[in-house]
PDB file of N, CA and C in Angstrom:
ATOM      1  N   UNK A   1     -16.749  29.831 -14.690  1.00  0.00           N
ATOM      2  CA  UNK A   1     -17.055  28.863 -15.452  1.00  0.00           C
ATOM      3  C   UNK A   1     -16.680  27.257 -14.812  1.00  0.00           C
ATOM      4  N   UNK A   2     -17.461  26.445 -14.812  1.00  0.00           N
ATOM      5  CA  UNK A   2     -17.368  25.119 -14.485  1.00  0.00           C
ATOM      6  C   UNK A   2     -17.217  24.326 -15.876  1.00  0.00           C
ATOM      7  N   UNK A   3     -17.872  24.400 -16.994  1.00  0.00           N
ATOM      8  CA  UNK A   3     -17.873  23.557 -18.034  1.00  0.00           C
ATOM      9  C   UNK A   3     -16.769  23.219 -18.250  1.00  0.00           C
ATOM     10  N   UNK A   4     -16.152  21.759 -18.979  1.00  0.00           N
ATOM     11  CA  UNK A   4     -14.938  20.990 -19.087  1.00  0.00           C
ATOM     12  C   UNK A   4     -14.561  21.023 -20.209  1.00  0.00           C
ATOM     13  N   UNK A   5     -13.314  22.167 -20.109  1.00  0.00           N
ATOM     14  CA  UNK A   5     -12.512  22.968 -21.222  1.00  0.00           C
ATOM     15  C   UNK A   5     -12.479  21.282 -22.036  1.00  0.00           C
ATOM     16  N   UNK A   6     -12.177  21.636 -23.810  1.00  0.00           N
ATOM     17  CA  UNK A   6     -11.925  21.132 -24.306  1.00  0.00           C
ATOM     18  C   UNK A   6     -10.468  20.458 -24.704  1.00  0.00           C
ATOM     19  N   UNK A   7     -10.309  18.809 -24.897  1.00  0.00           N
ATOM     20  CA  UNK A   7      -9.135  18.481 -24.759  1.00  0.00           C
ATOM     21  C   UNK A   7      -8.130  19.349 -25.554  1.00  0.00           C
ATOM     22  N   UNK A   8      -6.597  19.202 -24.948  1.00  0.00           N
ATOM     23  CA  UNK A   8      -5.669  20.430 -25.583  1.00  0.00           C
ATOM     24  C   UNK A   8      -5.510  19.376 -27.051  1.00  0.00           C
ATOM     25  N   UNK A   9      -5.201  20.328 -28.196  1.00  0.00           N
ATOM     26  CA  UNK A   9      -4.566  19.869 -29.271  1.00  0.00           C
ATOM     27  C   UNK A   9      -3.251  19.256 -28.970  1.00  0.00           C
ATOM     28  N   UNK A  10      -2.813  18.058 -30.121  1.00  0.00           N
ATOM     29  CA  UNK A  10      -1.633  17.207 -29.578  1.00  0.00           C
ATOM     30  C   UNK A  10      -0.655  18.394 -30.618  1.00  0.00           C
ATOM     31  N   UNK A  11       0.572  19.012 -29.759  1.00  0.00           N
ATOM     32  CA  UNK A  11       1.846  19.486 -30.774  1.00  0.00           C
ATOM     33  C   UNK A  11       2.787  18.364 -31.384  1.00  0.00           C
ATOM     34  N   UNK A  12       2.331  17.289 -31.267  1.00  0.00           N
ATOM     35  CA  UNK A  12       3.047  16.434 -32.382  1.00  0.00           C
ATOM     36  C   UNK A  12       2.270  15.858 -33.754  1.00  0.00           C
ATOM     37  N   UNK A  13       2.620  15.533 -34.736  1.00  0.00           N
ATOM     38  CA  UNK A  13       1.488  14.900 -35.547  1.00  0.00           C
ATOM     39  C   UNK A  13       2.336  13.632 -36.173  1.00  0.00           C
ATOM     40  N   UNK A  14       3.829  13.440 -36.350  1.00  0.00           N
ATOM     41  CA  UNK A  14       4.362  12.438 -37.188  1.00  0.00           C
ATOM     42  C   UNK A  14       4.433  11.330 -35.481  1.00  0.00           C
ATOM     43  N   UNK A  15       4.159  10.402 -35.355  1.00  0.00           N
ATOM     44  CA  UNK A  15       4.235   9.152 -34.680  1.00  0.00           C
ATOM     45  C   UNK A  15       5.973   9.388 -34.185  1.00  0.00           C
ATOM     46  N   UNK A  16       6.512   9.208 -34.923  1.00  0.00           N
ATOM     47  CA  UNK A  16       7.985   9.383 -34.506  1.00  0.00           C
ATOM     48  C   UNK A  16       8.358  10.217 -33.730  1.00  0.00           C
ATOM     49  N   UNK A  17       7.617  11.515 -33.706  1.00  0.00           N
ATOM     50  CA  UNK A  17       7.794  12.472 -32.720  1.00  0.00           C
ATOM     51  C   UNK A  17       7.449  12.334 -31.152  1.00  0.00           C
ATOM     52  N   UNK A  18       6.519  11.510 -30.998  1.00  0.00           N
ATOM     53  CA  UNK A  18       5.566  10.958 -30.092  1.00  0.00           C
ATOM     54  C   UNK A  18       6.778  10.530 -28.454  1.00  0.00           C
ATOM     55  N   UNK A  19       6.462  11.417 -27.411  1.00  0.00           N
ATOM     56  CA  UNK A  19       7.450  11.088 -26.313  1.00  0.00           C
ATOM     57  C   UNK A  19       7.370   9.722 -26.359  1.00  0.00           C
ATOM     58  N   UNK A  20       9.008   9.281 -25.574  1.00  0.00           N
ATOM     59  CA  UNK A  20       9.293   7.802 -25.516  1.00  0.00           C
ATOM     60  C   UNK A  20       8.290   7.819 -23.866  1.00  0.00           C
ATOM     61  N   UNK A  21       7.700   6.180 -23.886  1.00  0.00           N
ATOM     62  CA  UNK A  21       7.360   5.872 -23.081  1.00  0.00           C
ATOM     63  C   UNK A  21       8.319   5.044 -21.638  1.00  0.00           C
ATOM     64  N   UNK A  22       8.559   5.648 -20.620  1.00  0.00           N
ATOM     65  CA  UNK A  22       9.637   5.298 -19.693  1.00  0.00           C
ATOM     66  C   UNK A  22       8.543   4.570 -18.767  1.00  0.00           C
ATOM     67  N   UNK A  23       9.637   3.763 -17.984  1.00  0.00           N
ATOM     68  CA  UNK A  23       9.478   3.434 -16.493  1.00  0.00           C
ATOM     69  C   UNK A  23       8.341   4.020 -15.875  1.00  0.00           C
ATOM     70  N   UNK A  24       8.994   5.340 -15.531  1.00  0.00           N
ATOM     71  CA  UNK A  24       8.297   6.570 -14.588  1.00  0.00           C
ATOM     72  C   UNK A  24       6.972   6.944 -14.860  1.00  0.00           C
ATOM     73  N   UNK A  25       6.712   7.018 -16.689  1.00  0.00           N
ATOM     74  CA  UNK A  25       5.462   7.179 -17.453  1.00  0.00           C
ATOM     75  C   UNK A  25       4.827   6.473 -16.961  1.00  0.00           C
ATOM     76  N   UNK A  26       4.854   5.370 -16.860  1.00  0.00           N
ATOM     77  CA  UNK A  26       3.629   4.093 -16.384  1.00  0.00           C
ATOM     78  C   UNK A  26       3.693   4.398 -15.015  1.00  0.00           C
ATOM     79  N   UNK A  27       4.544   4.590 -14.367  1.00  0.00           N
ATOM     80  CA  UNK A  27       4.321   4.489 -13.046  1.00  0.00           C
ATOM     81  C   UNK A  27       3.373   5.274 -12.409  1.00  0.00           C
ATOM     82  N   UNK A  28       3.534   6.778 -12.985  1.00  0.00           N
ATOM     83  CA  UNK A  28       2.684   7.955 -13.040  1.00  0.00           C
ATOM     84  C   UNK A  28       1.264   8.069 -13.714  1.00  0.00           C
ATOM     85  N   UNK A  29       1.133   6.724 -14.858  1.00  0.00           N
ATOM     86  CA  UNK A  29      -0.014   7.094 -15.445  1.00  0.00           C
ATOM     87  C   UNK A  29      -1.448   6.763 -14.736  1.00  0.00           C
ATOM     88  N   UNK A  30      -2.562   7.279 -15.506  1.00  0.00           N
ATOM     89  CA  UNK A  30      -3.980   7.151 -14.523  1.00  0.00           C
ATOM     90  C   UNK A  30      -4.235   5.620 -15.463  1.00  0.00           C
ATOM     91  N   UNK A  31      -4.702   4.562 -14.860  1.00  0.00           N
ATOM     92  CA  UNK A  31      -5.257   3.146 -15.470  1.00  0.00           C
ATOM     93  C   UNK A  31      -6.620   3.569 -16.088  1.00  0.00           C
ATOM     94  N   UNK A  32      -7.086   3.409 -16.953  1.00  0.00           N
ATOM     95  CA  UNK A  32      -8.003   3.358 -17.767  1.00  0.00           C
ATOM     96  C   UNK A  32      -8.549   2.073 -18.354  1.00  0.00           C
ATOM     97  N   UNK A  33      -9.831   1.986 -18.015  1.00  0.00           N
ATOM     98  CA  UNK A  33     -10.750   0.778 -18.902  1.00  0.00           C
ATOM     99  C   UNK A  33     -11.981   1.289 -19.049  1.00  0.00           C
ATOM    100  N   UNK A  34     -11.803   1.386 -20.477  1.00  0.00           N
ATOM    101  CA  UNK A  34     -13.213   2.627 -21.109  1.00  0.00           C
ATOM    102  C   UNK A  34     -12.422   3.867 -20.409  1.00  0.00           C
ATOM    103  N   UNK A  35     -13.695   4.402 -20.222  1.00  0.00           N
ATOM    104  CA  UNK A  35     -13.828   6.120 -19.792  1.00  0.00           C
ATOM    105  C   UNK A  35     -13.917   5.793 -18.349  1.00  0.00           C
ATOM    106  N   UNK A  36     -13.832   4.615 -17.622  1.00  0.00           N
ATOM    107  CA  UNK A  36     -13.797   4.094 -16.183  1.00  0.00           C
ATOM    108  C   UNK A  36     -12.245   4.449 -15.644  1.00  0.00           C
ATOM    109  N   UNK A  37     -11.483   4.648 -14.612  1.00  0.00           N
ATOM    110  CA  UNK A  37     -10.526   5.145 -14.035  1.00  0.00           C
ATOM    111  C   UNK A  37     -10.517   4.011 -13.019  1.00  0.00           C
ATOM    112  N   UNK A  38      -9.396   2.691 -13.121  1.00  0.00           N
ATOM    113  CA  UNK A  38      -9.561   2.000 -12.485  1.00  0.00           C
ATOM    114  C   UNK A  38      -8.069   2.044 -11.171  1.00  0.00           C
ATOM    115  N   UNK A  39      -8.840   2.183 -10.010  1.00  0.00           N
ATOM    116  CA  UNK A  39      -7.539   2.441  -8.694  1.00  0.00           C
ATOM    117  C   UNK A  39      -7.629   1.259  -8.413  1.00  0.00           C
ATOM    118  N   UNK A  40      -5.889   0.889  -8.537  1.00  0.00           N
ATOM    119  CA  UNK A  40      -5.218  -0.098  -7.251  1.00  0.00           C
ATOM    120  C   UNK A  40      -5.710   0.087  -6.356  1.00  0.00           C
ATOM    121  N   UNK A  41      -6.144  -1.329  -5.180  1.00  0.00           N
ATOM    122  CA  UNK A  41      -6.724  -1.064  -4.226  1.00  0.00           C
ATOM    123  C   UNK A  41      -5.560  -1.617  -3.216  1.00  0.00           C
ATOM    124  N   UNK A  42      -5.478  -2.091  -2.212  1.00  0.00           N
ATOM    125  CA  UNK A  42      -4.454  -2.320  -0.840  1.00  0.00           C
ATOM    126  C   UNK A  42      -4.543  -3.934  -1.536  1.00  0.00           C
ATOM    127  N   UNK A  43      -3.534  -4.474  -1.184  1.00  0.00           N
ATOM    128  CA  UNK A  43      -3.392  -6.075  -1.424  1.00  0.00           C
ATOM    129  C   UNK A  43      -3.968  -6.909  -0.799  1.00  0.00           C
ATOM    130  N   UNK A  44      -4.596  -7.708  -1.121  1.00  0.00           N
ATOM    131  CA  UNK A  44      -5.183  -8.704  -0.289  1.00  0.00           C
ATOM    132  C   UNK A  44      -4.534  -9.384   0.770  1.00  0.00           C
ATOM    133  N   UNK A  45      -4.715  -9.548   2.092  1.00  0.00           N
ATOM    134  CA  UNK A  45      -4.128 -10.530   3.058  1.00  0.00           C
ATOM    135  C   UNK A  45      -4.220 -11.945   2.424  1.00  0.00           C
ATOM    136  N   UNK A  46      -3.514 -12.502   3.498  1.00  0.00           N
ATOM    137  CA  UNK A  46      -3.239 -13.873   3.478  1.00  0.00           C
ATOM    138  C   UNK A  46      -4.365 -14.641   4.007  1.00  0.00           C
ATOM    139  N   UNK A  47      -4.917 -14.282   4.821  1.00  0.00           N
ATOM    140  CA  UNK A  47      -5.796 -14.931   5.066  1.00  0.00           C
ATOM    141  C   UNK A  47      -5.513 -15.542   6.733  1.00  0.00           C
ATOM    142  N   UNK A  48      -4.477 -15.775   6.957  1.00  0.00           N
ATOM    143  CA  UNK A  48      -3.900 -16.396   8.271  1.00  0.00           C
ATOM    144  C   UNK A  48      -3.823 -15.485   9.525  1.00  0.00           C
ATOM    145  N   UNK A  49      -4.514 -13.882   9.204  1.00  0.00           N
ATOM    146  CA  UNK A  49      -3.954 -12.973  10.486  1.00  0.00           C
ATOM    147  C   UNK A  49      -5.686 -12.455  10.490  1.00  0.00           C
ATOM    148  N   UNK A  50      -6.001 -11.824  11.770  1.00  0.00           N
ATOM    149  CA  UNK A  50      -7.119 -11.508  12.029  1.00  0.00           C
ATOM    150  C   UNK A  50      -7.032 -10.017  12.611  1.00  0.00           C
ATOM    151  N   UNK A  51      -7.730  -9.274  12.036  1.00  0.00           N
ATOM    152  CA  UNK A  51      -7.561  -7.727  12.751  1.00  0.00           C
ATOM    153  C   UNK A  51      -8.238  -7.460  14.415  1.00  0.00           C
ATOM    154  N   UNK A  52      -7.920  -7.332  14.977  1.00  0.00           N
ATOM    155  CA  UNK A  52      -8.088  -7.090  16.620  1.00  0.00           C
ATOM    156  C   UNK A  52      -7.948  -5.697  16.978  1.00  0.00           C
ATOM    157  N   UNK A  53      -8.520  -5.413  18.321  1.00  0.00           N
ATOM    158  CA  UNK A  53      -8.299  -4.118  19.065  1.00  0.00           C
ATOM    159  C   UNK A  53      -8.032  -5.007  19.687  1.00  0.00           C
ATOM    160  N   UNK A  54      -6.631  -4.129  20.259  1.00  0.00           N
ATOM    161  CA  UNK A  54      -5.651  -4.640  21.665  1.00  0.00           C
ATOM    162  C   UNK A  54      -5.252  -3.447  21.907  1.00  0.00           C
ATOM    163  N   UNK A  55      -4.917  -3.091  23.590  1.00  0.00           N
ATOM    164  CA  UNK A  55      -4.357  -2.443  24.312  1.00  0.00           C
ATOM    165  C   UNK A  55      -3.265  -2.497  24.834  1.00  0.00           C
ATOM    166  N   UNK A  56      -2.126  -1.843  24.614  1.00  0.00           N
ATOM    167  CA  UNK A  56      -0.965  -1.838  24.745  1.00  0.00           C
ATOM    168  C   UNK A  56      -0.358  -0.776  25.524  1.00  0.00           C
ATOM    169  N   UNK A  57       0.816  -0.830  26.594  1.00  0.00           N
ATOM    170  CA  UNK A  57       1.411   0.358  27.327  1.00  0.00           C
ATOM    171  C   UNK A  57       2.075   1.309  26.103  1.00  0.00           C
ATOM    172  N   UNK A  58       1.710   2.401  26.390  1.00  0.00           N
ATOM    173  CA  UNK A  58       2.121   3.264  25.177  1.00  0.00           C
ATOM    174  C   UNK A  58       3.790   3.458  25.033  1.00  0.00           C
ATOM    175  N   UNK A  59       4.514   3.040  26.495  1.00  0.00           N
ATOM    176  CA  UNK A  59       5.804   2.769  25.837  1.00  0.00           C
ATOM    177  C   UNK A  59       6.441   1.554  25.199  1.00  0.00           C
ATOM    178  N   UNK A  60       5.502   0.704  24.959  1.00  0.00           N
ATOM    179  CA  UNK A  60       5.703  -0.451  24.603  1.00  0.00           C
ATOM    180  C   UNK A  60       5.349  -0.098  22.738  1.00  0.00           C
ATOM    181  N   UNK A  61       4.183   0.676  22.655  1.00  0.00           N
ATOM    182  CA  UNK A  61       4.364   0.738  21.354  1.00  0.00           C
ATOM    183  C   UNK A  61       4.857   1.863  20.600  1.00  0.00           C
ATOM    184  N   UNK A  62       5.540   2.858  21.469  1.00  0.00           N
ATOM    185  CA  UNK A  62       6.532   3.982  21.381  1.00  0.00           C
ATOM    186  C   UNK A  62       7.757   3.022  21.040  1.00  0.00           C
ATOM    187  N   UNK A  63       8.311   2.130  21.616  1.00  0.00           N
ATOM    188  CA  UNK A  63       9.405   1.255  21.741  1.00  0.00           C
ATOM    189  C   UNK A  63       9.436   0.430  19.701  1.00  0.00           C
ATOM    190  N   UNK A  64       8.411   0.094  19.828  1.00  0.00           N
ATOM    191  CA  UNK A  64       8.320  -0.685  18.336  1.00  0.00           C
ATOM    192  C   UNK A  64       8.209   0.214  17.228  1.00  0.00           C
ATOM    193  N   UNK A  65       7.245   1.252  17.482  1.00  0.00           N
ATOM    194  CA  UNK A  65       7.267   2.309  16.345  1.00  0.00           C
ATOM    195  C   UNK A  65       8.536   3.090  16.011  1.00  0.00           C
ATOM    196  N   UNK A  66       9.261   2.698  17.477  1.00  0.00           N
ATOM    197  CA  UNK A  66      10.522   3.768  16.601  1.00  0.00           C
ATOM    198  C   UNK A  66      11.826   3.002  16.204  1.00  0.00           C
ATOM    199  N   UNK A  67      11.394   1.604  15.702  1.00  0.00           N
ATOM    200  CA  UNK A  67      12.154   0.946  14.740  1.00  0.00           C
ATOM    201  C   UNK A  67      11.896   0.879  13.550  1.00  0.00           C
ATOM    202  N   UNK A  68      10.524   1.876  13.270  1.00  0.00           N
ATOM    203  CA  UNK A  68      10.549   2.033  11.812  1.00  0.00           C
ATOM    204  C   UNK A  68       9.612   1.060  10.992  1.00  0.00           C
ATOM    205  N   UNK A  69       9.392   1.457   9.810  1.00  0.00           N
ATOM    206  CA  UNK A  69       8.380   0.481   9.133  1.00  0.00           C
ATOM    207  C   UNK A  69       8.280  -0.754   9.309  1.00  0.00           C
ATOM    208  N   UNK A  70       7.223  -1.398   9.326  1.00  0.00           N
ATOM    209  CA  UNK A  70       7.322  -3.052   9.740  1.00  0.00           C
ATOM    210  C   UNK A  70       7.107  -2.978  11.280  1.00  0.00           C
ATOM    211  N   UNK A  71       7.042  -2.172  12.162  1.00  0.00           N
ATOM    212  CA  UNK A  71       6.799  -2.276  13.156  1.00  0.00           C
ATOM    213  C   UNK A  71       5.583  -3.291  13.817  1.00  0.00           C
ATOM    214  N   UNK A  72       4.498  -3.325  13.227  1.00  0.00           N
ATOM    215  CA  UNK A  72       3.667  -4.089  13.531  1.00  0.00           C
ATOM    216  C   UNK A  72       4.229  -5.780  13.096  1.00  0.00           C
ATOM    217  N   UNK A  73       4.978  -5.946  12.089  1.00  0.00           N
ATOM    218  CA  UNK A  73       5.403  -7.258  11.994  1.00  0.00           C
ATOM    219  C   UNK A  73       6.325  -7.645  13.088  1.00  0.00           C
ATOM    220  N   UNK A  74       7.405  -6.425  13.411  1.00  0.00           N
ATOM    221  CA  UNK A  74       8.210  -7.238  14.345  1.00  0.00           C
ATOM    222  C   UNK A  74       7.580  -7.997  15.713  1.00  0.00           C
ATOM    223  N   UNK A  75       6.624  -6.867  15.780  1.00  0.00           N
ATOM    224  CA  UNK A  75       5.615  -6.728  17.450  1.00  0.00           C
ATOM    225  C   UNK A  75       5.088  -8.363  17.161  1.00  0.00           C
ATOM    226  N   UNK A  76       4.528  -8.663  15.936  1.00  0.00           N
ATOM    227  CA  UNK A  76       4.091 -10.157  16.153  1.00  0.00           C
ATOM    228  C   UNK A  76       4.761 -10.977  16.447  1.00  0.00           C
ATOM    229  N   UNK A  77       5.893 -10.758  15.324  1.00  0.00           N
ATOM    230  CA  UNK A  77       7.047 -11.768  15.927  1.00  0.00           C
ATOM    231  C   UNK A  77       7.604 -12.141  17.114  1.00  0.00           C
ATOM    232  N   UNK A  78       7.624 -10.871  18.088  1.00  0.00           N
ATOM    233  CA  UNK A  78       8.139 -10.928  19.207  1.00  0.00           C
ATOM    234  C   UNK A  78       7.051 -11.301  19.953  1.00  0.00           C
ATOM    235  N   UNK A  79       5.956 -11.433  19.888  1.00  0.00           N
ATOM    236  CA  UNK A  79       4.794 -12.335  20.268  1.00  0.00           C
ATOM    237  C   UNK A  79       4.866 -13.725  19.816  1.00  0.00           C
ATOM    238  N   UNK A  80       5.164 -13.936  18.847  1.00  0.00           N
ATOM    239  CA  UNK A  80       5.041 -15.234  18.338  1.00  0.00           C
ATOM    240  C   UNK A  80       6.242 -15.697  19.250  1.00  0.00           C
ATOM    241  N   UNK A  81       7.382 -15.524  19.277  1.00  0.00           N
ATOM    242  CA  UNK A  81       8.370 -15.822  20.295  1.00  0.00           C
ATOM    243  C   UNK A  81       8.581 -16.245  21.518  1.00  0.00           C
ATOM    244  N   UNK A  82       7.744 -15.160  22.270  1.00  0.00           N
ATOM    245  CA  UNK A  82       7.393 -15.521  23.430  1.00  0.00           C
ATOM    246  C   UNK A  82       6.289 -16.826  23.591  1.00  0.00           C
ATOM    247  N   UNK A  83       5.543 -17.268  22.716  1.00  0.00           N
ATOM    248  CA  UNK A  83       4.712 -18.210  22.762  1.00  0.00           C
ATOM    249  C   UNK A  83       4.908 -19.407  22.765  1.00  0.00           C
ATOM    250  N   UNK A  84       6.108 -19.368  21.785  1.00  0.00           N
ATOM    251  CA  UNK A  84       7.154 -20.688  21.765  1.00  0.00           C
ATOM    252  C   UNK A  84       8.012 -20.984  23.032  1.00  0.00           C
ATOM    253  N   UNK A  85       8.165 -19.616  23.705  1.00  0.00           N
ATOM    254  CA  UNK A  85       9.123 -19.828  24.932  1.00  0.00           C
ATOM    255  C   UNK A  85       8.326 -20.255  25.979  1.00  0.00           C
ATOM    256  N   UNK A  86       6.998 -19.722  26.148  1.00  0.00           N
ATOM    257  CA  UNK A  86       5.835 -20.430  27.267  1.00  0.00           C
ATOM    258  C   UNK A  86       4.991 -20.857  26.429  1.00  0.00           C
ATOM    259  N   UNK A  87       4.907 -22.014  26.692  1.00  0.00           N
ATOM    260  CA  UNK A  87       3.900 -22.946  26.095  1.00  0.00           C
ATOM    261  C   UNK A  87       2.590 -22.602  26.697  1.00  0.00           C
ATOM    262  N   UNK A  88       1.442 -22.349  26.239  1.00  0.00           N
ATOM    263  CA  UNK A  88       0.360 -22.059  26.890  1.00  0.00           C
ATOM    264  C   UNK A  88      -0.484 -23.551  27.666  1.00  0.00           C
ATOM    265  N   UNK A  89      -0.754 -23.655  28.422  1.00  0.00           N
ATOM    266  CA  UNK A  89      -1.519 -25.213  28.985  1.00  0.00           C
ATOM    267  C   UNK A  89      -2.655 -25.093  28.819  1.00  0.00           C
ATOM    268  N   UNK A  90      -3.184 -25.570  27.554  1.00  0.00           N
ATOM    269  CA  UNK A  90      -4.071 -25.716  27.015  1.00  0.00           C
ATOM    270  C   UNK A  90      -5.091 -27.356  27.214  1.00  0.00           C
ATOM    271  N   UNK A  91      -6.214 -27.318  27.616  1.00  0.00           N
ATOM    272  CA  UNK A  91      -6.682 -28.517  28.229  1.00  0.00           C
ATOM    273  C   UNK A  91      -7.160 -29.231  26.958  1.00  0.00           C
TER     274      UNK A  91
END
Protein backbone atom coordinates (compact mmCIF):
# COMPACT_ATOMS: atom_id res chain seq x y z
CA UNK A 1 0.00 0.00 0.00
CA UNK A 2 1.41 3.39 -0.99
CA UNK A 3 -1.05 5.52 0.96
CA UNK A 4 0.45 7.91 3.44
CA UNK A 5 -0.14 6.77 6.99
CA UNK A 6 -1.77 9.08 9.50
CA UNK A 7 0.47 11.12 11.79
CA UNK A 8 1.45 9.33 14.95
CA UNK A 9 -0.20 10.49 18.10
CA UNK A 10 1.82 12.42 20.64
CA UNK A 11 3.15 10.48 23.62
CA UNK A 12 3.02 13.51 25.90
CA UNK A 13 0.15 15.74 26.89
CA UNK A 14 1.61 18.19 29.41
CA UNK A 15 3.78 20.89 27.74
CA UNK A 16 6.28 20.46 30.59
CA UNK A 17 6.87 16.92 29.31
CA UNK A 18 7.93 18.15 25.86
CA UNK A 19 11.42 17.06 24.78
CA UNK A 20 14.20 19.61 25.25
CA UNK A 21 15.12 21.46 22.05
CA UNK A 22 18.89 21.21 21.90
CA UNK A 23 21.34 22.63 19.36
CA UNK A 24 21.71 19.18 17.80
CA UNK A 25 17.93 18.94 17.41
CA UNK A 26 17.84 22.25 15.51
CA UNK A 27 20.81 21.22 13.34
CA UNK A 28 19.03 18.06 12.22
CA UNK A 29 15.55 19.62 11.92
CA UNK A 30 13.82 19.99 8.56
CA UNK A 31 13.17 23.65 7.81
CA UNK A 32 9.58 24.31 6.74
CA UNK A 33 7.70 27.36 5.52
CA UNK A 34 4.07 26.35 5.71
CA UNK A 35 3.88 23.00 3.95
CA UNK A 36 7.00 23.70 1.85
CA UNK A 37 10.37 22.21 2.81
CA UNK A 38 13.10 24.87 2.72
CA UNK A 39 16.41 23.42 1.58
CA UNK A 40 19.46 25.54 2.23
CA UNK A 41 21.52 25.99 -0.92
CA UNK A 42 25.20 26.49 -1.28
CA UNK A 43 26.68 29.75 -0.15
CA UNK A 44 26.87 32.36 -2.89
CA UNK A 45 30.34 33.27 -4.04
CA UNK A 46 31.97 36.66 -3.63
CA UNK A 47 31.72 37.40 -7.34
CA UNK A 48 35.49 37.87 -7.73
CA UNK A 49 36.21 34.36 -9.01
CA UNK A 50 35.24 32.74 -12.29
CA UNK A 51 34.77 29.08 -13.07
CA UNK A 52 36.98 27.82 -15.89
CA UNK A 53 38.03 24.49 -17.34
CA UNK A 54 41.80 24.16 -17.02
CA UNK A 55 43.97 21.09 -17.62
CA UNK A 56 46.85 20.37 -15.24
CA UNK A 57 49.32 17.50 -15.03
CA UNK A 58 47.93 14.69 -12.89
CA UNK A 59 51.00 14.87 -10.63
CA UNK A 60 50.32 18.56 -9.88
CA UNK A 61 46.67 17.90 -9.04
CA UNK A 62 47.58 14.88 -6.91
CA UNK A 63 50.13 16.94 -4.97
CA UNK A 64 47.61 19.69 -4.18
CA UNK A 65 44.78 17.24 -3.42
CA UNK A 66 47.09 15.37 -1.02
CA UNK A 67 47.20 18.51 1.15
CA UNK A 68 43.55 17.95 2.07
CA UNK A 69 40.44 20.11 2.12
CA UNK A 70 41.03 23.57 0.67
CA UNK A 71 43.50 22.39 -1.97
CA UNK A 72 41.86 24.56 -4.66
CA UNK A 73 42.36 27.69 -2.55
CA UNK A 74 46.00 26.76 -1.96
CA UNK A 75 46.45 26.18 -5.68
CA UNK A 76 44.92 29.61 -6.39
CA UNK A 77 47.27 31.18 -3.82
CA UNK A 78 50.29 29.47 -5.41
CA UNK A 79 49.33 30.81 -8.85
CA UNK A 80 48.80 34.30 -7.41
CA UNK A 81 52.22 34.20 -5.73
CA UNK A 82 53.85 33.10 -9.01
CA UNK A 83 52.21 36.01 -10.85
CA UNK A 84 53.47 38.46 -8.22
CA UNK A 85 57.01 37.12 -8.63
CA UNK A 86 56.79 36.96 -12.46
CA UNK A 87 54.84 40.00 -13.67
CA UNK A 88 53.34 39.60 -17.12
CA UNK A 89 54.45 42.01 -19.83
CA UNK A 90 51.20 43.58 -20.87
CA UNK A 91 50.96 46.38 -23.47
